[in-house]
């Protein structure tokens, strides 16, 4: 992004095409994964186990339920909000506020990407 102005930064993020939005869904890896793969961060994928590092739910670890590319958020098992009518819904979290502790390696392509 070229501008320093926050309004233009936000506008560019919201207007970014989907192939660029994938970069926004990256999260740092835990220390053990950093040493194993020699990478600092990776894209968050459904099935990864993550630990929340910022906000009200600090320290909670859970499996990623959904990854929303359009909104740039993820939802995690065990982190919910209670609505006014008493029902519970999954709380959206930005991927930059979590650390990946265990990777979902069911897809062979992902393992190749990490070992590149």
PDB file of N, CA and C in Angstrom:
ATOM      1  N   UNK A   1       0.834  -1.166   0.000  1.00  0.00           N
ATOM      2  CA  UNK A   1       0.000   0.000   0.000  1.00  0.00           C
ATOM      3  C   UNK A   1       0.887   1.239   0.000  1.00  0.00           C
ATOM      4  N   UNK A   2       0.451   2.224  -0.710  1.00  0.00           N
ATOM      5  CA  UNK A   2       1.303   3.386  -0.910  1.00  0.00           C
ATOM      6  C   UNK A   2       1.072   4.498   0.093  1.00  0.00           C
ATOM      7  N   UNK A   3      -0.152   4.652   0.549  1.00  0.00           N
ATOM      8  CA  UNK A   3      -0.477   5.778   1.407  1.00  0.00           C
ATOM      9  C   UNK A   3      -0.248   5.468   2.884  1.00  0.00           C
ATOM     10  N   UNK A   4       0.014   6.520   3.666  1.00  0.00           N
ATOM     11  CA  UNK A   4       0.136   6.382   5.117  1.00  0.00           C
ATOM     12  C   UNK A   4      -1.189   6.666   5.813  1.00  0.00           C
ATOM     13  N   UNK A   5      -2.116   7.265   5.096  1.00  0.00           N
ATOM     14  CA  UNK A   5      -3.380   7.683   5.704  1.00  0.00           C
ATOM     15  C   UNK A   5      -4.245   6.472   6.060  1.00  0.00           C
ATOM     16  N   UNK A   6      -4.714   6.395   7.303  1.00  0.00           N
ATOM     17  CA  UNK A   6      -5.507   5.247   7.731  1.00  0.00           C
ATOM     18  C   UNK A   6      -6.760   5.009   6.895  1.00  0.00           C
ATOM     19  N   UNK A   7      -7.429   6.081   6.478  1.00  0.00           N
ATOM     20  CA  UNK A   7      -8.651   5.877   5.697  1.00  0.00           C
ATOM     21  C   UNK A   7      -8.342   5.218   4.363  1.00  0.00           C
ATOM     22  N   UNK A   8      -7.210   5.587   3.755  1.00  0.00           N
ATOM     23  CA  UNK A   8      -6.832   4.978   2.478  1.00  0.00           C
ATOM     24  C   UNK A   8      -6.319   3.552   2.684  1.00  0.00           C
ATOM     25  N   UNK A   9      -5.668   3.304   3.805  1.00  0.00           N
ATOM     26  CA  UNK A   9      -5.218   1.948   4.131  1.00  0.00           C
ATOM     27  C   UNK A   9      -6.437   1.026   4.261  1.00  0.00           C
ATOM     28  N   UNK A  10      -7.452   1.475   5.004  1.00  0.00           N
ATOM     29  CA  UNK A  10      -8.663   0.672   5.189  1.00  0.00           C
ATOM     30  C   UNK A  10      -9.373   0.445   3.859  1.00  0.00           C
ATOM     31  N   UNK A  11      -9.457   1.506   3.054  1.00  0.00           N
ATOM     32  CA  UNK A  11     -10.129   1.391   1.766  1.00  0.00           C
ATOM     33  C   UNK A  11      -9.441   0.375   0.875  1.00  0.00           C
ATOM     34  N   UNK A  12      -8.113   0.394   0.831  1.00  0.00           N
ATOM     35  CA  UNK A  12      -7.369  -0.551   0.002  1.00  0.00           C
ATOM     36  C   UNK A  12      -7.561  -1.996   0.467  1.00  0.00           C
ATOM     37  N   UNK A  13      -7.607  -2.196   1.786  1.00  0.00           N
ATOM     38  CA  UNK A  13      -7.837  -3.554   2.306  1.00  0.00           C
ATOM     39  C   UNK A  13      -9.220  -4.060   1.919  1.00  0.00           C
ATOM     40  N   UNK A  14     -10.219  -3.181   2.016  1.00  0.00           N
ATOM     41  CA  UNK A  14     -11.584  -3.594   1.716  1.00  0.00           C
ATOM     42  C   UNK A  14     -11.816  -3.797   0.217  1.00  0.00           C
ATOM     43  N   UNK A  15     -11.085  -3.080  -0.614  1.00  0.00           N
ATOM     44  CA  UNK A  15     -11.262  -3.189  -2.058  1.00  0.00           C
ATOM     45  C   UNK A  15     -10.287  -4.170  -2.700  1.00  0.00           C
ATOM     46  N   UNK A  16      -9.426  -4.792  -1.907  1.00  0.00           N
ATOM     47  CA  UNK A  16      -8.412  -5.704  -2.454  1.00  0.00           C
ATOM     48  C   UNK A  16      -9.069  -6.939  -3.072  1.00  0.00           C
ATOM     49  N   UNK A  17      -8.529  -7.426  -4.178  1.00  0.00           N
ATOM     50  CA  UNK A  17      -9.062  -8.652  -4.769  1.00  0.00           C
ATOM     51  C   UNK A  17      -8.750  -9.864  -3.882  1.00  0.00           C
ATOM     52  N   UNK A  18      -9.476 -10.943  -4.088  1.00  0.00           N
ATOM     53  CA  UNK A  18      -9.365 -12.103  -3.213  1.00  0.00           C
ATOM     54  C   UNK A  18      -7.967 -12.711  -3.197  1.00  0.00           C
ATOM     55  N   UNK A  19      -7.249 -12.681  -4.314  1.00  0.00           N
ATOM     56  CA  UNK A  19      -5.914 -13.279  -4.314  1.00  0.00           C
ATOM     57  C   UNK A  19      -4.941 -12.474  -3.451  1.00  0.00           C
ATOM     58  N   UNK A  20      -5.210 -11.172  -3.252  1.00  0.00           N
ATOM     59  CA  UNK A  20      -4.376 -10.370  -2.349  1.00  0.00           C
ATOM     60  C   UNK A  20      -4.844 -10.484  -0.905  1.00  0.00           C
ATOM     61  N   UNK A  21      -6.132 -10.756  -0.710  1.00  0.00           N
ATOM     62  CA  UNK A  21      -6.672 -10.895   0.640  1.00  0.00           C
ATOM     63  C   UNK A  21      -6.134 -12.133   1.346  1.00  0.00           C
ATOM     64  N   UNK A  22      -5.656 -13.107   0.603  1.00  0.00           N
ATOM     65  CA  UNK A  22      -5.087 -14.303   1.220  1.00  0.00           C
ATOM     66  C   UNK A  22      -3.876 -13.951   2.067  1.00  0.00           C
ATOM     67  N   UNK A  23      -3.141 -12.926   1.695  1.00  0.00           N
ATOM     68  CA  UNK A  23      -1.986 -12.494   2.490  1.00  0.00           C
ATOM     69  C   UNK A  23      -2.416 -11.957   3.849  1.00  0.00           C
ATOM     70  N   UNK A  24      -3.635 -11.397   3.931  1.00  0.00           N
ATOM     71  CA  UNK A  24      -4.118 -10.841   5.194  1.00  0.00           C
ATOM     72  C   UNK A  24      -4.479 -11.946   6.186  1.00  0.00           C
ATOM     73  N   UNK A  25      -4.633 -13.186   5.711  1.00  0.00           N
ATOM     74  CA  UNK A  25      -5.045 -14.292   6.572  1.00  0.00           C
ATOM     75  C   UNK A  25      -3.848 -15.107   7.066  1.00  0.00           C
ATOM     76  N   UNK A  26      -2.702 -14.474   7.185  1.00  0.00           N
ATOM     77  CA  UNK A  26      -1.517 -15.157   7.684  1.00  0.00           C
ATOM     78  C   UNK A  26      -1.384 -14.894   9.175  1.00  0.00           C
ATOM     79  N   UNK A  27      -0.837 -15.892   9.886  1.00  0.00           N
ATOM     80  CA  UNK A  27      -0.619 -15.768  11.326  1.00  0.00           C
ATOM     81  C   UNK A  27       0.772 -16.297  11.648  1.00  0.00           C
ATOM     82  N   UNK A  28       1.397 -15.775  12.705  1.00  0.00           N
ATOM     83  CA  UNK A  28       2.727 -16.262  13.074  1.00  0.00           C
ATOM     84  C   UNK A  28       2.684 -17.713  13.542  1.00  0.00           C
ATOM     85  N   UNK A  29       3.786 -18.416  13.330  1.00  0.00           N
ATOM     86  CA  UNK A  29       3.922 -19.801  13.780  1.00  0.00           C
ATOM     87  C   UNK A  29       4.517 -19.833  15.182  1.00  0.00           C
ATOM     88  N   UNK A  30       4.244 -20.906  15.918  1.00  0.00           N
ATOM     89  CA  UNK A  30       4.850 -21.079  17.239  1.00  0.00           C
ATOM     90  C   UNK A  30       6.351 -21.331  17.073  1.00  0.00           C
ATOM     91  N   UNK A  31       7.094 -21.219  18.177  1.00  0.00           N
ATOM     92  CA  UNK A  31       8.550 -21.365  18.125  1.00  0.00           C
ATOM     93  C   UNK A  31       8.975 -22.716  17.552  1.00  0.00           C
ATOM     94  N   UNK A  32       8.311 -23.792  17.969  1.00  0.00           N
ATOM     95  CA  UNK A  32       8.698 -25.122  17.491  1.00  0.00           C
ATOM     96  C   UNK A  32       8.447 -25.274  15.985  1.00  0.00           C
ATOM     97  N   UNK A  33       7.323 -24.716  15.501  1.00  0.00           N
ATOM     98  CA  UNK A  33       7.033 -24.789  14.064  1.00  0.00           C
ATOM     99  C   UNK A  33       7.977 -23.900  13.265  1.00  0.00           C
ATOM    100  N   UNK A  34       8.400 -22.777  13.846  1.00  0.00           N
ATOM    101  CA  UNK A  34       9.362 -21.901  13.167  1.00  0.00           C
ATOM    102  C   UNK A  34      10.672 -22.626  12.905  1.00  0.00           C
ATOM    103  N   UNK A  35      11.132 -23.356  13.920  1.00  0.00           N
ATOM    104  CA  UNK A  35      12.391 -24.089  13.767  1.00  0.00           C
ATOM    105  C   UNK A  35      12.251 -25.228  12.761  1.00  0.00           C
ATOM    106  N   UNK A  36      11.108 -25.912  12.798  1.00  0.00           N
ATOM    107  CA  UNK A  36      10.905 -27.064  11.924  1.00  0.00           C
ATOM    108  C   UNK A  36      10.840 -26.670  10.454  1.00  0.00           C
ATOM    109  N   UNK A  37      10.084 -25.599  10.143  1.00  0.00           N
ATOM    110  CA  UNK A  37       9.856 -25.229   8.743  1.00  0.00           C
ATOM    111  C   UNK A  37      10.691 -24.030   8.288  1.00  0.00           C
ATOM    112  N   UNK A  38      11.415 -23.382   9.186  1.00  0.00           N
ATOM    113  CA  UNK A  38      12.215 -22.190   8.867  1.00  0.00           C
ATOM    114  C   UNK A  38      11.360 -21.097   8.236  1.00  0.00           C
ATOM    115  N   UNK A  39      10.146 -20.960   8.719  1.00  0.00           N
ATOM    116  CA  UNK A  39       9.221 -19.914   8.266  1.00  0.00           C
ATOM    117  C   UNK A  39       8.707 -19.174   9.483  1.00  0.00           C
ATOM    118  N   UNK A  40       8.383 -17.910   9.308  1.00  0.00           N
ATOM    119  CA  UNK A  40       7.894 -17.095  10.413  1.00  0.00           C
ATOM    120  C   UNK A  40       6.375 -17.142  10.533  1.00  0.00           C
ATOM    121  N   UNK A  41       5.670 -17.228   9.389  1.00  0.00           N
ATOM    122  CA  UNK A  41       4.209 -17.251   9.432  1.00  0.00           C
ATOM    123  C   UNK A  41       3.660 -18.154   8.337  1.00  0.00           C
ATOM    124  N   UNK A  42       2.366 -18.432   8.427  1.00  0.00           N
ATOM    125  CA  UNK A  42       1.693 -19.274   7.438  1.00  0.00           C
ATOM    126  C   UNK A  42       0.238 -18.854   7.364  1.00  0.00           C
ATOM    127  N   UNK A  43      -0.413 -19.244   6.283  1.00  0.00           N
ATOM    128  CA  UNK A  43      -1.827 -18.928   6.117  1.00  0.00           C
ATOM    129  C   UNK A  43      -2.647 -19.812   7.046  1.00  0.00           C
ATOM    130  N   UNK A  44      -3.637 -19.223   7.695  1.00  0.00           N
ATOM    131  CA  UNK A  44      -4.506 -19.969   8.595  1.00  0.00           C
ATOM    132  C   UNK A  44      -5.503 -20.759   7.752  1.00  0.00           C
ATOM    133  N   UNK A  45      -5.655 -22.047   8.074  1.00  0.00           N
ATOM    134  CA  UNK A  45      -6.536 -22.938   7.328  1.00  0.00           C
ATOM    135  C   UNK A  45      -7.472 -23.622   8.315  1.00  0.00           C
ATOM    136  N   UNK A  46      -8.659 -23.957   7.865  1.00  0.00           N
ATOM    137  CA  UNK A  46      -9.620 -24.676   8.701  1.00  0.00           C
ATOM    138  C   UNK A  46      -8.970 -25.968   9.191  1.00  0.00           C
ATOM    139  N   UNK A  47      -9.032 -26.202  10.501  1.00  0.00           N
ATOM    140  CA  UNK A  47      -8.439 -27.403  11.082  1.00  0.00           C
ATOM    141  C   UNK A  47      -7.134 -27.146  11.817  1.00  0.00           C
ATOM    142  N   UNK A  48      -6.510 -25.983  11.616  1.00  0.00           N
ATOM    143  CA  UNK A  48      -5.308 -25.619  12.374  1.00  0.00           C
ATOM    144  C   UNK A  48      -5.678 -25.413  13.841  1.00  0.00           C
ATOM    145  N   UNK A  49      -4.717 -25.681  14.724  1.00  0.00           N
ATOM    146  CA  UNK A  49      -4.911 -25.383  16.142  1.00  0.00           C
ATOM    147  C   UNK A  49      -4.160 -24.088  16.427  1.00  0.00           C
ATOM    148  N   UNK A  50      -4.863 -23.111  17.007  1.00  0.00           N
ATOM    149  CA  UNK A  50      -4.275 -21.797  17.255  1.00  0.00           C
ATOM    150  C   UNK A  50      -4.469 -21.394  18.713  1.00  0.00           C
ATOM    151  N   UNK A  51      -3.600 -20.492  19.187  1.00  0.00           N
ATOM    152  CA  UNK A  51      -3.710 -19.924  20.534  1.00  0.00           C
ATOM    153  C   UNK A  51      -3.880 -18.418  20.390  1.00  0.00           C
ATOM    154  N   UNK A  52      -4.878 -17.864  21.078  1.00  0.00           N
ATOM    155  CA  UNK A  52      -5.170 -16.431  21.003  1.00  0.00           C
ATOM    156  C   UNK A  52      -4.149 -15.684  21.858  1.00  0.00           C
ATOM    157  N   UNK A  53      -3.553 -14.622  21.298  1.00  0.00           N
ATOM    158  CA  UNK A  53      -2.509 -13.864  21.982  1.00  0.00           C
ATOM    159  C   UNK A  53      -2.949 -12.457  22.372  1.00  0.00           C
ATOM    160  N   UNK A  54      -4.078 -11.973  21.859  1.00  0.00           N
ATOM    161  CA  UNK A  54      -4.541 -10.620  22.140  1.00  0.00           C
ATOM    162  C   UNK A  54      -6.037 -10.641  22.425  1.00  0.00           C
ATOM    163  N   UNK A  55      -6.499  -9.636  23.166  1.00  0.00           N
ATOM    164  CA  UNK A  55      -7.926  -9.454  23.384  1.00  0.00           C
ATOM    165  C   UNK A  55      -8.455 -10.134  24.631  1.00  0.00           C
ATOM    166  N   UNK A  56      -9.778 -10.303  24.682  1.00  0.00           N
ATOM    167  CA  UNK A  56     -10.451 -10.851  25.857  1.00  0.00           C
ATOM    168  C   UNK A  56     -10.198 -12.338  26.062  1.00  0.00           C
ATOM    169  N   UNK A  57      -9.830 -13.048  25.014  1.00  0.00           N
ATOM    170  CA  UNK A  57      -9.698 -14.506  25.083  1.00  0.00           C
ATOM    171  C   UNK A  57      -8.237 -14.964  25.063  1.00  0.00           C
ATOM    172  N   UNK A  58      -7.351 -14.185  25.664  1.00  0.00           N
ATOM    173  CA  UNK A  58      -5.917 -14.496  25.667  1.00  0.00           C
ATOM    174  C   UNK A  58      -5.671 -15.860  26.288  1.00  0.00           C
ATOM    175  N   UNK A  59      -4.838 -16.655  25.615  1.00  0.00           N
ATOM    176  CA  UNK A  59      -4.434 -17.950  26.154  1.00  0.00           C
ATOM    177  C   UNK A  59      -5.328 -19.104  25.764  1.00  0.00           C
ATOM    178  N   UNK A  60      -6.485 -18.842  25.197  1.00  0.00           N
ATOM    179  CA  UNK A  60      -7.388 -19.922  24.803  1.00  0.00           C
ATOM    180  C   UNK A  60      -6.863 -20.567  23.522  1.00  0.00           C
ATOM    181  N   UNK A  61      -6.828 -21.893  23.535  1.00  0.00           N
ATOM    182  CA  UNK A  61      -6.345 -22.638  22.381  1.00  0.00           C
ATOM    183  C   UNK A  61      -7.508 -23.434  21.814  1.00  0.00           C
ATOM    184  N   UNK A  62      -7.636 -23.455  20.507  1.00  0.00           N
ATOM    185  CA  UNK A  62      -8.726 -24.188  19.882  1.00  0.00           C
ATOM    186  C   UNK A  62      -8.488 -24.398  18.409  1.00  0.00           C
ATOM    187  N   UNK A  63      -9.349 -25.210  17.825  1.00  0.00           N
ATOM    188  CA  UNK A  63      -9.253 -25.537  16.402  1.00  0.00           C
ATOM    189  C   UNK A  63     -10.026 -24.501  15.590  1.00  0.00           C
ATOM    190  N   UNK A  64      -9.497 -24.126  14.444  1.00  0.00           N
ATOM    191  CA  UNK A  64     -10.145 -23.146  13.569  1.00  0.00           C
ATOM    192  C   UNK A  64     -11.372 -23.786  12.927  1.00  0.00           C
ATOM    193  N   UNK A  65     -12.538 -23.155  13.117  1.00  0.00           N
ATOM    194  CA  UNK A  65     -13.788 -23.650  12.539  1.00  0.00           C
ATOM    195  C   UNK A  65     -13.964 -23.157  11.108  1.00  0.00           C
ATOM    196  N   UNK A  66     -13.878 -21.832  10.939  1.00  0.00           N
ATOM    197  CA  UNK A  66     -14.090 -21.248   9.618  1.00  0.00           C
ATOM    198  C   UNK A  66     -13.040 -20.183   9.340  1.00  0.00           C
ATOM    199  N   UNK A  67     -12.790 -19.970   8.053  1.00  0.00           N
ATOM    200  CA  UNK A  67     -11.910 -18.902   7.592  1.00  0.00           C
ATOM    201  C   UNK A  67     -12.698 -18.114   6.555  1.00  0.00           C
ATOM    202  N   UNK A  68     -12.966 -16.836   6.835  1.00  0.00           N
ATOM    203  CA  UNK A  68     -13.756 -15.995   5.938  1.00  0.00           C
ATOM    204  C   UNK A  68     -12.815 -15.058   5.187  1.00  0.00           C
ATOM    205  N   UNK A  69     -12.589 -15.355   3.924  1.00  0.00           N
ATOM    206  CA  UNK A  69     -11.657 -14.587   3.118  1.00  0.00           C
ATOM    207  C   UNK A  69     -12.189 -13.182   2.828  1.00  0.00           C
ATOM    208  N   UNK A  70     -13.461 -13.050   2.602  1.00  0.00           N
ATOM    209  CA  UNK A  70     -14.039 -11.738   2.281  1.00  0.00           C
ATOM    210  C   UNK A  70     -13.969 -10.768   3.452  1.00  0.00           C
ATOM    211  N   UNK A  71     -14.266 -11.256   4.656  1.00  0.00           N
ATOM    212  CA  UNK A  71     -14.243 -10.394   5.844  1.00  0.00           C
ATOM    213  C   UNK A  71     -12.882 -10.365   6.514  1.00  0.00           C
ATOM    214  N   UNK A  72     -12.012 -11.320   6.189  1.00  0.00           N
ATOM    215  CA  UNK A  72     -10.669 -11.357   6.766  1.00  0.00           C
ATOM    216  C   UNK A  72     -10.652 -11.787   8.219  1.00  0.00           C
ATOM    217  N   UNK A  73     -11.531 -12.733   8.582  1.00  0.00           N
ATOM    218  CA  UNK A  73     -11.625 -13.183   9.970  1.00  0.00           C
ATOM    219  C   UNK A  73     -11.634 -14.707  10.039  1.00  0.00           C
ATOM    220  N   UNK A  74     -11.393 -15.229  11.251  1.00  0.00           N
ATOM    221  CA  UNK A  74     -11.508 -16.660  11.505  1.00  0.00           C
ATOM    222  C   UNK A  74     -12.386 -16.851  12.735  1.00  0.00           C
ATOM    223  N   UNK A  75     -12.957 -18.057  12.885  1.00  0.00           N
ATOM    224  CA  UNK A  75     -13.667 -18.407  14.105  1.00  0.00           C
ATOM    225  C   UNK A  75     -13.009 -19.646  14.685  1.00  0.00           C
ATOM    226  N   UNK A  76     -12.994 -19.732  16.025  1.00  0.00           N
ATOM    227  CA  UNK A  76     -12.269 -20.779  16.730  1.00  0.00           C
ATOM    228  C   UNK A  76     -13.228 -21.501  17.669  1.00  0.00           C
ATOM    229  N   UNK A  77     -13.059 -22.837  17.780  1.00  0.00           N
ATOM    230  CA  UNK A  77     -13.855 -23.631  18.729  1.00  0.00           C
ATOM    231  C   UNK A  77     -13.682 -23.091  20.131  1.00  0.00           C
ATOM    232  N   UNK A  78     -14.774 -22.953  20.858  1.00  0.00           N
ATOM    233  CA  UNK A  78     -14.716 -22.558  22.258  1.00  0.00           C
ATOM    234  C   UNK A  78     -14.743 -21.065  22.505  1.00  0.00           C
ATOM    235  N   UNK A  79     -14.684 -20.255  21.474  1.00  0.00           N
ATOM    236  CA  UNK A  79     -14.743 -18.803  21.651  1.00  0.00           C
ATOM    237  C   UNK A  79     -16.064 -18.317  21.069  1.00  0.00           C
ATOM    238  N   UNK A  80     -16.977 -17.953  21.974  1.00  0.00           N
ATOM    239  CA  UNK A  80     -18.312 -17.546  21.549  1.00  0.00           C
ATOM    240  C   UNK A  80     -18.719 -16.263  22.251  1.00  0.00           C
ATOM    241  N   UNK A  81     -19.745 -15.634  21.709  1.00  0.00           N
ATOM    242  CA  UNK A  81     -20.381 -14.466  22.309  1.00  0.00           C
ATOM    243  C   UNK A  81     -21.827 -14.822  22.610  1.00  0.00           C
ATOM    244  N   UNK A  82     -22.358 -14.270  23.683  1.00  0.00           N
ATOM    245  CA  UNK A  82     -23.757 -14.496  24.002  1.00  0.00           C
ATOM    246  C   UNK A  82     -24.568 -13.312  23.491  1.00  0.00           C
ATOM    247  N   UNK A  83     -25.588 -13.607  22.697  1.00  0.00           N
ATOM    248  CA  UNK A  83     -26.446 -12.568  22.159  1.00  0.00           C
ATOM    249  C   UNK A  83     -27.489 -12.172  23.195  1.00  0.00           C
ATOM    250  N   UNK A  84     -28.219 -11.114  22.916  1.00  0.00           N
ATOM    251  CA  UNK A  84     -29.213 -10.595  23.852  1.00  0.00           C
ATOM    252  C   UNK A  84     -30.325 -11.604  24.125  1.00  0.00           C
ATOM    253  N   UNK A  85     -30.650 -12.441  23.146  1.00  0.00           N
ATOM    254  CA  UNK A  85     -31.708 -13.434  23.343  1.00  0.00           C
ATOM    255  C   UNK A  85     -31.205 -14.705  24.029  1.00  0.00           C
ATOM    256  N   UNK A  86     -29.917 -14.747  24.392  1.00  0.00           N
ATOM    257  CA  UNK A  86     -29.362 -15.887  25.111  1.00  0.00           C
ATOM    258  C   UNK A  86     -28.650 -16.901  24.249  1.00  0.00           C
ATOM    259  N   UNK A  87     -28.802 -16.806  22.929  1.00  0.00           N
ATOM    260  CA  UNK A  87     -28.121 -17.752  22.050  1.00  0.00           C
ATOM    261  C   UNK A  87     -26.645 -17.382  21.924  1.00  0.00           C
ATOM    262  N   UNK A  88     -25.830 -18.375  21.598  1.00  0.00           N
ATOM    263  CA  UNK A  88     -24.388 -18.144  21.464  1.00  0.00           C
ATOM    264  C   UNK A  88     -23.982 -18.243  19.998  1.00  0.00           C
ATOM    265  N   UNK A  89     -23.092 -17.352  19.594  1.00  0.00           N
ATOM    266  CA  UNK A  89     -22.554 -17.361  18.237  1.00  0.00           C
ATOM    267  C   UNK A  89     -21.037 -17.322  18.320  1.00  0.00           C
ATOM    268  N   UNK A  90     -20.375 -17.844  17.279  1.00  0.00           N
ATOM    269  CA  UNK A  90     -18.911 -17.846  17.237  1.00  0.00           C
ATOM    270  C   UNK A  90     -18.412 -16.412  17.120  1.00  0.00           C
ATOM    271  N   UNK A  91     -17.372 -16.082  17.874  1.00  0.00           N
ATOM    272  CA  UNK A  91     -16.821 -14.732  17.862  1.00  0.00           C
ATOM    273  C   UNK A  91     -15.767 -14.633  16.767  1.00  0.00           C
ATOM    274  N   UNK A  92     -15.896 -13.660  15.856  1.00  0.00           N
ATOM    275  CA  UNK A  92     -14.886 -13.489  14.809  1.00  0.00           C
ATOM    276  C   UNK A  92     -13.595 -12.910  15.386  1.00  0.00           C
ATOM    277  N   UNK A  93     -12.452 -13.413  14.900  1.00  0.00           N
ATOM    278  CA  UNK A  93     -11.145 -12.981  15.380  1.00  0.00           C
ATOM    279  C   UNK A  93     -10.243 -12.739  14.170  1.00  0.00           C
ATOM    280  N   UNK A  94      -9.420 -11.703  14.262  1.00  0.00           N
ATOM    281  CA  UNK A  94      -8.461 -11.444  13.197  1.00  0.00           C
ATOM    282  C   UNK A  94      -7.285 -12.407  13.319  1.00  0.00           C
ATOM    283  N   UNK A  95      -6.803 -12.958  12.212  1.00  0.00           N
ATOM    284  CA  UNK A  95      -5.728 -13.948  12.260  1.00  0.00           C
ATOM    285  C   UNK A  95      -4.412 -13.411  12.820  1.00  0.00           C
ATOM    286  N   UNK A  96      -4.192 -12.112  12.754  1.00  0.00           N
ATOM    287  CA  UNK A  96      -2.931 -11.561  13.246  1.00  0.00           C
ATOM    288  C   UNK A  96      -2.838 -11.617  14.765  1.00  0.00           C
ATOM    289  N   UNK A  97      -3.961 -11.879  15.454  1.00  0.00           N
ATOM    290  CA  UNK A  97      -3.959 -11.916  16.914  1.00  0.00           C
ATOM    291  C   UNK A  97      -3.796 -13.326  17.464  1.00  0.00           C
ATOM    292  N   UNK A  98      -3.532 -14.307  16.609  1.00  0.00           N
ATOM    293  CA  UNK A  98      -3.360 -15.685  17.064  1.00  0.00           C
ATOM    294  C   UNK A  98      -1.990 -16.209  16.650  1.00  0.00           C
ATOM    295  N   UNK A  99      -1.582 -17.315  17.263  1.00  0.00           N
ATOM    296  CA  UNK A  99      -0.351 -18.014  16.902  1.00  0.00           C
ATOM    297  C   UNK A  99      -0.737 -19.443  16.544  1.00  0.00           C
ATOM    298  N   UNK A 100      -0.246 -19.928  15.420  1.00  0.00           N
ATOM    299  CA  UNK A 100      -0.534 -21.297  14.996  1.00  0.00           C
ATOM    300  C   UNK A 100       0.355 -22.241  15.800  1.00  0.00           C
ATOM    301  N   UNK A 101      -0.270 -23.187  16.526  1.00  0.00           N
ATOM    302  CA  UNK A 101       0.506 -24.133  17.326  1.00  0.00           C
ATOM    303  C   UNK A 101       0.571 -25.514  16.693  1.00  0.00           C
ATOM    304  N   UNK A 102      -0.422 -25.853  15.855  1.00  0.00           N
ATOM    305  CA  UNK A 102      -0.414 -27.143  15.166  1.00  0.00           C
ATOM    306  C   UNK A 102      -1.040 -26.949  13.795  1.00  0.00           C
ATOM    307  N   UNK A 103      -0.355 -27.426  12.774  1.00  0.00           N
ATOM    308  CA  UNK A 103      -0.820 -27.242  11.405  1.00  0.00           C
ATOM    309  C   UNK A 103      -1.688 -28.406  10.955  1.00  0.00           C
ATOM    310  N   UNK A 104      -2.673 -28.106  10.120  1.00  0.00           N
ATOM    311  CA  UNK A 104      -3.501 -29.123   9.487  1.00  0.00           C
ATOM    312  C   UNK A 104      -2.809 -29.514   8.183  1.00  0.00           C
ATOM    313  N   UNK A 105      -2.163 -30.684   8.153  1.00  0.00           N
ATOM    314  CA  UNK A 105      -1.368 -31.094   6.992  1.00  0.00           C
ATOM    315  C   UNK A 105      -2.048 -32.187   6.174  1.00  0.00           C
ATOM    316  N   UNK A 106      -3.390 -32.219   6.166  1.00  0.00           N
ATOM    317  CA  UNK A 106      -4.103 -33.227   5.376  1.00  0.00           C
ATOM    318  C   UNK A 106      -3.927 -32.969   3.881  1.00  0.00           C
ATOM    319  N   UNK A 107      -3.719 -31.722   3.508  1.00  0.00           N
ATOM    320  CA  UNK A 107      -3.505 -31.366   2.110  1.00  0.00           C
ATOM    321  C   UNK A 107      -2.004 -31.451   1.803  1.00  0.00           C
ATOM    322  N   UNK A 108      -1.617 -32.259   0.818  1.00  0.00           N
ATOM    323  CA  UNK A 108      -0.209 -32.448   0.484  1.00  0.00           C
ATOM    324  C   UNK A 108       0.429 -31.162  -0.054  1.00  0.00           C
ATOM    325  N   UNK A 109      -0.360 -30.352  -0.743  1.00  0.00           N
ATOM    326  CA  UNK A 109       0.183 -29.107  -1.297  1.00  0.00           C
ATOM    327  C   UNK A 109       0.656 -28.172  -0.200  1.00  0.00           C
ATOM    328  N   UNK A 110      -0.045 -28.173   0.940  1.00  0.00           N
ATOM    329  CA  UNK A 110       0.328 -27.270   2.027  1.00  0.00           C
ATOM    330  C   UNK A 110       1.687 -27.650   2.606  1.00  0.00           C
ATOM    331  N   UNK A 111       1.944 -28.926   2.720  1.00  0.00           N
ATOM    332  CA  UNK A 111       3.237 -29.379   3.225  1.00  0.00           C
ATOM    333  C   UNK A 111       4.358 -28.970   2.271  1.00  0.00           C
ATOM    334  N   UNK A 112       4.104 -29.079   0.963  1.00  0.00           N
ATOM    335  CA  UNK A 112       5.102 -28.648  -0.015  1.00  0.00           C
ATOM    336  C   UNK A 112       5.364 -27.156   0.079  1.00  0.00           C
ATOM    337  N   UNK A 113       4.309 -26.363   0.293  1.00  0.00           N
ATOM    338  CA  UNK A 113       4.451 -24.907   0.414  1.00  0.00           C
ATOM    339  C   UNK A 113       5.308 -24.555   1.627  1.00  0.00           C
ATOM    340  N   UNK A 114       5.072 -25.242   2.742  1.00  0.00           N
ATOM    341  CA  UNK A 114       5.818 -24.958   3.966  1.00  0.00           C
ATOM    342  C   UNK A 114       7.279 -25.365   3.867  1.00  0.00           C
ATOM    343  N   UNK A 115       7.570 -26.428   3.137  1.00  0.00           N
ATOM    344  CA  UNK A 115       8.944 -26.907   3.035  1.00  0.00           C
ATOM    345  C   UNK A 115       9.717 -26.272   1.890  1.00  0.00           C
ATOM    346  N   UNK A 116       9.098 -25.391   1.150  1.00  0.00           N
ATOM    347  CA  UNK A 116       9.750 -24.716   0.041  1.00  0.00           C
ATOM    348  C   UNK A 116      10.948 -23.931   0.467  1.00  0.00           C
TER     349      UNK A 116
END
